[in-house]
Each structure stands twice: as C-alpha cells, then as structure tokens.
C-alpha cells in the first residue's frame, strides 16, 4: 500500500521596490556651465533630486515594514513602540521643502486638460498630444516618450547654441524651455511619484509649472511625497500587492 503525503508549499510573497534612479542617470545632462539648464533647476528647488538615488533595498526589510504598517494611524507598529516617517525625515533626506500648497487632482484627467498641458509645457503639437492621450488612456506620458522629447530638445539646443539668426534664436529659447521642463517632469515622475506600471508619469505635475520655475517653490513637494508614500504603503499591505 502506498501512502501519499501531500505537502502544502507556502508561497513566499516578495515586495519589489520600484526604483527609477537609473533612468535619470541614463538621460545625461548639459555641462555645469550651461546656465540656461541649471538655473531653472535651482529656482524650482528640485535640483538636489539629481543626487537622490539608491541601488538596492532588501526584500526582507520591505516585507517587514509592510507587515507592520497600520493605515489607520499611518505608523509602523514596531516591538518597542510606534514609529512613522515625518515631514522632518523627508526634508532631511531629500532636501525638499515641506511648506506650501498641496496638489489635489482627480484620478482621471480630461482629454482637453491633458492635451493642453502637453502643448503648453512640452511643446507638442495638438496632434501629438491627442495621440499620447489615446495611447496612455488618460493623463499620462510614457518614460520613453518623455526621454525622447528631452533628448530631442537638448540636441536641438546644442545645434543652435552659436546661432545669430533671429528666428533661430527664438527657436533656441523655446527648445531650452521645453528641454528643462521635460527633464523636471522626468525627475519628479521617476524619483518622487513613480508609477506602479513602471512605464509612465502623470501629467498633472506639469500644472506646477504654470507660474514658472519660481512658482514651483510654492508647492510642498516634501508633503506631497510623504502623502504619496503613505498611500503606497497602504496599497503594499494588501496580500496580492508586489510593488512599492
């Protein structure tokens, strides 16, 4: 007589940290003497994000944090006491300002709103903007497309760098503006508000540029980042979730 022993194999859940730091490094940047690029980044107060990156995060650490996270209080219930990530933590680690306006928006962006942002801030034609809206199913732009725009504008700016033609000088100012805004969008989307699909960035962050680079300082980037982190931790606590 044969006896069959059935063993139930426990599936080990692994939470993966979404890290887009390498995407930023792959973009490349103009030399430090190109003030048209670096001055706007400093005015926006997001310049230090360039140096914000990490290589790996242990899965065991992520799992432990997710298991001990309580969404009711936004705290980690550790053996000794409750702990949480605070505004001061965010400010110290990222150098982002924690005072200012918060960005509130609907989950789904309307077609005319998304296309308007793409045309005004990234220099796309209405046709291109409509195509992106249809492809990304709403208010998003893919990482490859944003990288393509940044590379295109940066290359054009380098070509026109020594021009003296009036029309080309006007074009140069336009491509410089769109180059910087493409880079800032990539920076914010990759390092602060990484999308779980690992493929796209929300267009809503372009609205912070409506009042120029100085106007971007009016937003609490640290506060928005902390709120986004809390929301991601809540999602990561669900049994079927695998990304943070």
C-alpha atoms as a PDB file:
ATOM      1  CA  UNK A   1       0.000   0.000   0.000  1.00  0.00           C
ATOM      2  CA  UNK A   2       1.337   3.388  -0.970  1.00  0.00           C
ATOM      3  CA  UNK A   3       0.916   6.362   1.272  1.00  0.00           C
ATOM      4  CA  UNK A   4       0.991   9.728  -0.451  1.00  0.00           C
ATOM      5  CA  UNK A   5       1.981  12.654   1.715  1.00  0.00           C
ATOM      6  CA  UNK A   6       0.703  15.998   0.488  1.00  0.00           C
ATOM      7  CA  UNK A   7       2.822  18.938   1.423  1.00  0.00           C
ATOM      8  CA  UNK A   8       1.408  22.414   1.150  1.00  0.00           C
ATOM      9  CA  UNK A   9       4.113  24.683  -0.157  1.00  0.00           C
ATOM     10  CA  UNK A  10       3.813  28.176   1.203  1.00  0.00           C
ATOM     11  CA  UNK A  11       4.188  30.841  -1.424  1.00  0.00           C
ATOM     12  CA  UNK A  12       6.618  33.475  -0.297  1.00  0.00           C
ATOM     13  CA  UNK A  13       5.402  36.964  -1.048  1.00  0.00           C
ATOM     14  CA  UNK A  14       8.064  39.357  -2.265  1.00  0.00           C
ATOM     15  CA  UNK A  15       7.561  43.116  -2.395  1.00  0.00           C
ATOM     16  CA  UNK A  16       9.617  44.847  -5.049  1.00  0.00           C
ATOM     17  CA  UNK A  17      10.817  48.427  -4.677  1.00  0.00           C
ATOM     18  CA  UNK A  18      10.241  50.487  -7.815  1.00  0.00           C
ATOM     19  CA  UNK A  19      13.440  52.413  -8.449  1.00  0.00           C
ATOM     20  CA  UNK A  20      13.787  54.710 -11.454  1.00  0.00           C
ATOM     21  CA  UNK A  21      17.152  56.184 -10.465  1.00  0.00           C
ATOM     22  CA  UNK A  22      18.942  54.539 -13.377  1.00  0.00           C
ATOM     23  CA  UNK A  23      16.545  56.206 -15.799  1.00  0.00           C
ATOM     24  CA  UNK A  24      17.730  59.610 -14.575  1.00  0.00           C
ATOM     25  CA  UNK A  25      21.390  58.641 -14.945  1.00  0.00           C
ATOM     26  CA  UNK A  26      20.798  57.409 -18.495  1.00  0.00           C
ATOM     27  CA  UNK A  27      19.385  60.776 -19.595  1.00  0.00           C
ATOM     28  CA  UNK A  28      22.618  62.699 -19.446  1.00  0.00           C
ATOM     29  CA  UNK A  29      22.824  66.398 -18.617  1.00  0.00           C
ATOM     30  CA  UNK A  30      24.482  69.522 -20.036  1.00  0.00           C
ATOM     31  CA  UNK A  31      27.750  70.743 -18.548  1.00  0.00           C
ATOM     32  CA  UNK A  32      27.604  72.799 -15.351  1.00  0.00           C
ATOM     33  CA  UNK A  33      28.453  75.956 -17.324  1.00  0.00           C
ATOM     34  CA  UNK A  34      25.159  75.728 -19.251  1.00  0.00           C
ATOM     35  CA  UNK A  35      23.268  78.123 -17.002  1.00  0.00           C
ATOM     36  CA  UNK A  36      20.108  78.017 -19.124  1.00  0.00           C
ATOM     37  CA  UNK A  37      19.647  74.450 -17.854  1.00  0.00           C
ATOM     38  CA  UNK A  38      20.927  74.577 -14.280  1.00  0.00           C
ATOM     39  CA  UNK A  39      19.492  77.929 -13.153  1.00  0.00           C
ATOM     40  CA  UNK A  40      15.840  76.862 -13.659  1.00  0.00           C
ATOM     41  CA  UNK A  41      16.513  73.634 -11.755  1.00  0.00           C
ATOM     42  CA  UNK A  42      17.853  75.629  -8.819  1.00  0.00           C
ATOM     43  CA  UNK A  43      14.943  78.081  -8.985  1.00  0.00           C
ATOM     44  CA  UNK A  44      12.479  75.195  -8.750  1.00  0.00           C
ATOM     45  CA  UNK A  45      14.316  73.909  -5.627  1.00  0.00           C
ATOM     46  CA  UNK A  46      14.265  70.400  -7.073  1.00  0.00           C
ATOM     47  CA  UNK A  47      17.932  70.479  -8.045  1.00  0.00           C
ATOM     48  CA  UNK A  48      19.036  68.144  -5.233  1.00  0.00           C
ATOM     49  CA  UNK A  49      16.837  65.341  -6.563  1.00  0.00           C
ATOM     50  CA  UNK A  50      19.522  64.732  -9.176  1.00  0.00           C
ATOM     51  CA  UNK A  51      21.707  63.228  -6.475  1.00  0.00           C
ATOM     52  CA  UNK A  52      18.910  61.197  -4.847  1.00  0.00           C
ATOM     53  CA  UNK A  53      19.254  57.509  -5.647  1.00  0.00           C
ATOM     54  CA  UNK A  54      19.685  54.086  -4.115  1.00  0.00           C
ATOM     55  CA  UNK A  55      20.974  50.822  -5.513  1.00  0.00           C
ATOM     56  CA  UNK A  56      19.028  48.071  -3.746  1.00  0.00           C
ATOM     57  CA  UNK A  57      16.570  47.635  -0.883  1.00  0.00           C
ATOM     58  CA  UNK A  58      16.438  44.245   0.930  1.00  0.00           C
ATOM     59  CA  UNK A  59      13.138  42.467   0.292  1.00  0.00           C
ATOM     60  CA  UNK A  60      13.047  41.302   3.914  1.00  0.00           C
ATOM     61  CA  UNK A  61      13.148  44.917   5.093  1.00  0.00           C
ATOM     62  CA  UNK A  62      10.320  45.918   2.750  1.00  0.00           C
ATOM     63  CA  UNK A  63       8.210  42.965   3.804  1.00  0.00           C
ATOM     64  CA  UNK A  64       8.750  43.729   7.485  1.00  0.00           C
ATOM     65  CA  UNK A  65       7.779  47.356   7.061  1.00  0.00           C
ATOM     66  CA  UNK A  66       4.680  46.481   5.038  1.00  0.00           C
ATOM     67  CA  UNK A  67       3.565  43.894   7.584  1.00  0.00           C
ATOM     68  CA  UNK A  68       3.904  46.357  10.453  1.00  0.00           C
ATOM     69  CA  UNK A  69       2.249  49.302   8.696  1.00  0.00           C
ATOM     70  CA  UNK A  70      -1.153  50.369  10.059  1.00  0.00           C
ATOM     71  CA  UNK A  71      -3.071  52.563   7.651  1.00  0.00           C
ATOM     72  CA  UNK A  72      -5.461  53.774  10.375  1.00  0.00           C
ATOM     73  CA  UNK A  73      -2.665  55.708  12.081  1.00  0.00           C
ATOM     74  CA  UNK A  74      -0.029  55.839   9.304  1.00  0.00           C
ATOM     75  CA  UNK A  75       2.508  54.287  11.657  1.00  0.00           C
ATOM     76  CA  UNK A  76       4.735  51.221  11.872  1.00  0.00           C
ATOM     77  CA  UNK A  77       3.895  49.075  14.916  1.00  0.00           C
ATOM     78  CA  UNK A  78       7.378  48.016  15.986  1.00  0.00           C
ATOM     79  CA  UNK A  79       8.191  45.782  19.011  1.00  0.00           C
ATOM     80  CA  UNK A  80       9.265  48.737  21.135  1.00  0.00           C
ATOM     81  CA  UNK A  81       6.857  51.444  20.011  1.00  0.00           C
ATOM     82  CA  UNK A  82       5.046  53.015  17.083  1.00  0.00           C
ATOM     83  CA  UNK A  83       7.142  54.854  14.504  1.00  0.00           C
ATOM     84  CA  UNK A  84       6.428  56.740  11.308  1.00  0.00           C
ATOM     85  CA  UNK A  85       8.005  58.835   8.562  1.00  0.00           C
ATOM     86  CA  UNK A  86       7.652  62.547   9.337  1.00  0.00           C
ATOM     87  CA  UNK A  87       7.944  65.819   7.442  1.00  0.00           C
ATOM     88  CA  UNK A  88      11.346  66.376   9.031  1.00  0.00           C
ATOM     89  CA  UNK A  89      12.533  62.980   7.785  1.00  0.00           C
ATOM     90  CA  UNK A  90      11.526  63.836   4.236  1.00  0.00           C
ATOM     91  CA  UNK A  91      13.136  67.282   4.417  1.00  0.00           C
ATOM     92  CA  UNK A  92      16.415  65.900   5.794  1.00  0.00           C
ATOM     93  CA  UNK A  93      16.682  63.014   3.335  1.00  0.00           C
ATOM     94  CA  UNK A  94      15.522  64.727   0.143  1.00  0.00           C
ATOM     95  CA  UNK A  95      16.049  68.468   0.864  1.00  0.00           C
ATOM     96  CA  UNK A  96      12.511  69.083  -0.377  1.00  0.00           C
ATOM     97  CA  UNK A  97      10.509  71.896   1.153  1.00  0.00           C
ATOM     98  CA  UNK A  98       7.620  70.823   3.356  1.00  0.00           C
ATOM     99  CA  UNK A  99       5.701  74.101   3.412  1.00  0.00           C
ATOM    100  CA  UNK A 100       3.379  75.252   0.654  1.00  0.00           C
ATOM    101  CA  UNK A 101       0.454  74.113  -1.462  1.00  0.00           C
ATOM    102  CA  UNK A 102      -0.594  70.506  -1.978  1.00  0.00           C
ATOM    103  CA  UNK A 103      -1.515  69.245  -5.418  1.00  0.00           C
ATOM    104  CA  UNK A 104      -5.045  67.873  -5.500  1.00  0.00           C
ATOM    105  CA  UNK A 105      -6.442  66.301  -8.647  1.00  0.00           C
ATOM    106  CA  UNK A 106      -8.881  63.763  -9.992  1.00  0.00           C
ATOM    107  CA  UNK A 107      -7.580  60.307 -10.890  1.00  0.00           C
ATOM    108  CA  UNK A 108      -8.727  60.650 -14.498  1.00  0.00           C
ATOM    109  CA  UNK A 109      -7.645  63.743 -16.441  1.00  0.00           C
ATOM    110  CA  UNK A 110      -9.913  65.001 -19.210  1.00  0.00           C
ATOM    111  CA  UNK A 111      -8.652  64.991 -22.795  1.00  0.00           C
ATOM    112  CA  UNK A 112      -8.572  68.773 -23.271  1.00  0.00           C
ATOM    113  CA  UNK A 113      -6.738  69.258 -19.956  1.00  0.00           C
ATOM    114  CA  UNK A 114      -4.060  66.665 -20.711  1.00  0.00           C
ATOM    115  CA  UNK A 115      -3.525  67.853 -24.280  1.00  0.00           C
ATOM    116  CA  UNK A 116      -3.330  71.469 -23.129  1.00  0.00           C
ATOM    117  CA  UNK A 117      -0.546  70.617 -20.665  1.00  0.00           C
ATOM    118  CA  UNK A 118       1.417  68.719 -23.301  1.00  0.00           C
ATOM    119  CA  UNK A 119       1.139  71.578 -25.799  1.00  0.00           C
ATOM    120  CA  UNK A 120       1.951  74.402 -23.329  1.00  0.00           C
ATOM    121  CA  UNK A 121       4.701  72.816 -21.297  1.00  0.00           C
ATOM    122  CA  UNK A 122       6.315  70.190 -23.517  1.00  0.00           C
ATOM    123  CA  UNK A 123       5.960  71.881 -26.897  1.00  0.00           C
ATOM    124  CA  UNK A 124       3.957  69.147 -28.614  1.00  0.00           C
ATOM    125  CA  UNK A 125       1.547  69.740 -31.455  1.00  0.00           C
ATOM    126  CA  UNK A 126      -2.142  69.165 -30.821  1.00  0.00           C
ATOM    127  CA  UNK A 127      -2.000  66.026 -32.985  1.00  0.00           C
ATOM    128  CA  UNK A 128       0.909  64.575 -30.995  1.00  0.00           C
ATOM    129  CA  UNK A 129      -0.812  65.411 -27.715  1.00  0.00           C
ATOM    130  CA  UNK A 130      -4.046  63.711 -28.820  1.00  0.00           C
ATOM    131  CA  UNK A 131      -2.098  60.613 -29.829  1.00  0.00           C
ATOM    132  CA  UNK A 132      -0.336  60.399 -26.458  1.00  0.00           C
ATOM    133  CA  UNK A 133      -3.633  60.822 -24.602  1.00  0.00           C
ATOM    134  CA  UNK A 134      -5.175  57.987 -26.614  1.00  0.00           C
ATOM    135  CA  UNK A 135      -2.154  55.725 -26.176  1.00  0.00           C
ATOM    136  CA  UNK A 136      -1.763  56.214 -22.423  1.00  0.00           C
ATOM    137  CA  UNK A 137      -5.504  56.112 -21.624  1.00  0.00           C
ATOM    138  CA  UNK A 138      -5.621  59.422 -19.804  1.00  0.00           C
ATOM    139  CA  UNK A 139      -3.352  61.987 -18.209  1.00  0.00           C
ATOM    140  CA  UNK A 140      -0.025  60.204 -18.571  1.00  0.00           C
ATOM    141  CA  UNK A 141       3.095  60.226 -20.711  1.00  0.00           C
ATOM    142  CA  UNK A 142       5.424  57.250 -21.024  1.00  0.00           C
ATOM    143  CA  UNK A 143       9.039  57.339 -19.833  1.00  0.00           C
ATOM    144  CA  UNK A 144      10.394  56.565 -23.343  1.00  0.00           C
ATOM    145  CA  UNK A 145       8.353  59.382 -24.906  1.00  0.00           C
ATOM    146  CA  UNK A 146       9.441  61.921 -22.295  1.00  0.00           C
ATOM    147  CA  UNK A 147      13.046  60.830 -22.708  1.00  0.00           C
ATOM    148  CA  UNK A 148      12.686  61.198 -26.484  1.00  0.00           C
ATOM    149  CA  UNK A 149      11.398  64.757 -26.070  1.00  0.00           C
ATOM    150  CA  UNK A 150      14.199  65.700 -23.674  1.00  0.00           C
ATOM    151  CA  UNK A 151      16.863  64.243 -25.982  1.00  0.00           C
ATOM    152  CA  UNK A 152      15.343  65.972 -28.998  1.00  0.00           C
ATOM    153  CA  UNK A 153      15.230  69.398 -27.354  1.00  0.00           C
ATOM    154  CA  UNK A 154      18.706  69.065 -25.845  1.00  0.00           C
ATOM    155  CA  UNK A 155      20.170  68.064 -29.201  1.00  0.00           C
ATOM    156  CA  UNK A 156      18.451  70.956 -30.947  1.00  0.00           C
ATOM    157  CA  UNK A 157      19.677  73.390 -28.276  1.00  0.00           C
ATOM    158  CA  UNK A 158      23.247  72.225 -28.847  1.00  0.00           C
ATOM    159  CA  UNK A 159      22.922  72.672 -32.602  1.00  0.00           C
ATOM    160  CA  UNK A 160      21.568  76.224 -32.251  1.00  0.00           C
ATOM    161  CA  UNK A 161      23.958  77.223 -29.464  1.00  0.00           C
ATOM    162  CA  UNK A 162      26.097  79.554 -31.639  1.00  0.00           C
ATOM    163  CA  UNK A 163      23.433  80.857 -33.988  1.00  0.00           C
ATOM    164  CA  UNK A 164      22.973  84.556 -34.669  1.00  0.00           C
ATOM    165  CA  UNK A 165      19.847  84.262 -36.806  1.00  0.00           C
ATOM    166  CA  UNK A 166      16.858  85.945 -35.134  1.00  0.00           C
ATOM    167  CA  UNK A 167      14.372  83.197 -35.962  1.00  0.00           C
ATOM    168  CA  UNK A 168      16.762  80.510 -34.778  1.00  0.00           C
ATOM    169  CA  UNK A 169      17.410  82.477 -31.579  1.00  0.00           C
ATOM    170  CA  UNK A 170      13.674  82.443 -30.866  1.00  0.00           C
ATOM    171  CA  UNK A 171      13.575  78.714 -31.555  1.00  0.00           C
ATOM    172  CA  UNK A 172      16.575  78.240 -29.246  1.00  0.00           C
ATOM    173  CA  UNK A 173      14.743  79.876 -26.337  1.00  0.00           C
ATOM    174  CA  UNK A 174      11.729  77.639 -26.932  1.00  0.00           C
ATOM    175  CA  UNK A 175      13.688  74.380 -27.087  1.00  0.00           C
ATOM    176  CA  UNK A 176      15.675  75.325 -23.967  1.00  0.00           C
ATOM    177  CA  UNK A 177      12.421  75.887 -22.075  1.00  0.00           C
ATOM    178  CA  UNK A 178      10.906  72.596 -23.212  1.00  0.00           C
ATOM    179  CA  UNK A 179      14.172  70.756 -22.535  1.00  0.00           C
ATOM    180  CA  UNK A 180      14.244  71.903 -18.897  1.00  0.00           C
ATOM    181  CA  UNK A 181      10.558  71.152 -18.368  1.00  0.00           C
ATOM    182  CA  UNK A 182      10.916  67.676 -19.866  1.00  0.00           C
ATOM    183  CA  UNK A 183      13.815  66.997 -17.521  1.00  0.00           C
ATOM    184  CA  UNK A 184      11.963  68.297 -14.455  1.00  0.00           C
ATOM    185  CA  UNK A 185       8.938  66.156 -15.320  1.00  0.00           C
ATOM    186  CA  UNK A 186      11.154  63.109 -15.677  1.00  0.00           C
ATOM    187  CA  UNK A 187      12.904  63.922 -12.400  1.00  0.00           C
ATOM    188  CA  UNK A 188       9.688  64.328 -10.411  1.00  0.00           C
ATOM    189  CA  UNK A 189       7.949  61.360 -12.009  1.00  0.00           C
ATOM    190  CA  UNK A 190      10.874  58.995 -11.508  1.00  0.00           C
ATOM    191  CA  UNK A 191      12.137  59.909  -8.061  1.00  0.00           C
ATOM    192  CA  UNK A 192       9.102  61.196  -6.163  1.00  0.00           C
ATOM    193  CA  UNK A 193       5.948  59.760  -7.701  1.00  0.00           C
ATOM    194  CA  UNK A 194       6.962  56.571  -9.502  1.00  0.00           C
ATOM    195  CA  UNK A 195       4.034  54.914 -11.248  1.00  0.00           C
ATOM    196  CA  UNK A 196       3.349  51.266 -10.352  1.00  0.00           C
ATOM    197  CA  UNK A 197       3.211  50.327 -14.028  1.00  0.00           C
ATOM    198  CA  UNK A 198       6.897  51.284 -14.194  1.00  0.00           C
ATOM    199  CA  UNK A 199       6.147  52.792 -17.609  1.00  0.00           C
ATOM    200  CA  UNK A 200       4.621  56.260 -17.305  1.00  0.00           C
ATOM    201  CA  UNK A 201       4.382  59.593 -15.479  1.00  0.00           C
ATOM    202  CA  UNK A 202       1.271  61.573 -14.563  1.00  0.00           C
ATOM    203  CA  UNK A 203       0.834  64.817 -16.486  1.00  0.00           C
ATOM    204  CA  UNK A 204      -0.741  66.559 -13.516  1.00  0.00           C
ATOM    205  CA  UNK A 205       2.713  67.533 -12.209  1.00  0.00           C
ATOM    206  CA  UNK A 206       3.077  69.834 -15.220  1.00  0.00           C
ATOM    207  CA  UNK A 207       0.464  72.087 -13.625  1.00  0.00           C
ATOM    208  CA  UNK A 208       3.065  73.139 -11.039  1.00  0.00           C
ATOM    209  CA  UNK A 209       4.932  74.904 -13.879  1.00  0.00           C
ATOM    210  CA  UNK A 210       2.033  77.213 -14.757  1.00  0.00           C
ATOM    211  CA  UNK A 211       3.632  80.069 -12.794  1.00  0.00           C
ATOM    212  CA  UNK A 212       7.195  79.364 -13.915  1.00  0.00           C
ATOM    213  CA  UNK A 213      10.065  77.712 -12.087  1.00  0.00           C
ATOM    214  CA  UNK A 214       9.847  80.083  -9.137  1.00  0.00           C
ATOM    215  CA  UNK A 215       6.159  79.183  -8.852  1.00  0.00           C
ATOM    216  CA  UNK A 216       7.134  75.558  -8.336  1.00  0.00           C
ATOM    217  CA  UNK A 217       8.569  76.635  -4.979  1.00  0.00           C
ATOM    218  CA  UNK A 218       5.027  77.376  -3.797  1.00  0.00           C
ATOM    219  CA  UNK A 219       4.292  73.655  -3.587  1.00  0.00           C
ATOM    220  CA  UNK A 220       5.046  71.381  -0.659  1.00  0.00           C
ATOM    221  CA  UNK A 221       6.994  68.759  -2.597  1.00  0.00           C
ATOM    222  CA  UNK A 222       8.008  67.113   0.657  1.00  0.00           C
ATOM    223  CA  UNK A 223       4.412  66.988   1.849  1.00  0.00           C
ATOM    224  CA  UNK A 224       3.160  65.556  -1.439  1.00  0.00           C
ATOM    225  CA  UNK A 225       5.935  62.954  -1.416  1.00  0.00           C
ATOM    226  CA  UNK A 226       5.035  61.897   2.131  1.00  0.00           C
ATOM    227  CA  UNK A 227       1.337  61.623   1.275  1.00  0.00           C
ATOM    228  CA  UNK A 228       2.218  59.549  -1.786  1.00  0.00           C
ATOM    229  CA  UNK A 229       4.419  57.278   0.357  1.00  0.00           C
ATOM    230  CA  UNK A 230       1.602  56.728   2.852  1.00  0.00           C
ATOM    231  CA  UNK A 231      -0.790  55.800   0.030  1.00  0.00           C
ATOM    232  CA  UNK A 232       1.751  53.398  -1.473  1.00  0.00           C
ATOM    233  CA  UNK A 233       2.310  51.703   1.893  1.00  0.00           C
ATOM    234  CA  UNK A 234      -1.427  51.179   2.263  1.00  0.00           C
ATOM    235  CA  UNK A 235      -1.538  49.525  -1.188  1.00  0.00           C
ATOM    236  CA  UNK A 236       1.554  47.430  -0.481  1.00  0.00           C
ATOM    237  CA  UNK A 237      -0.085  45.971   2.634  1.00  0.00           C
ATOM    238  CA  UNK A 238      -2.694  44.100   0.584  1.00  0.00           C
ATOM    239  CA  UNK A 239      -1.815  40.399   0.199  1.00  0.00           C
ATOM    240  CA  UNK A 240      -1.736  40.415  -3.594  1.00  0.00           C
ATOM    241  CA  UNK A 241       0.369  43.526  -3.997  1.00  0.00           C
ATOM    242  CA  UNK A 242       4.011  43.115  -5.057  1.00  0.00           C
ATOM    243  CA  UNK A 243       5.319  46.646  -5.632  1.00  0.00           C
ATOM    244  CA  UNK A 244       6.146  49.717  -3.569  1.00  0.00           C
END
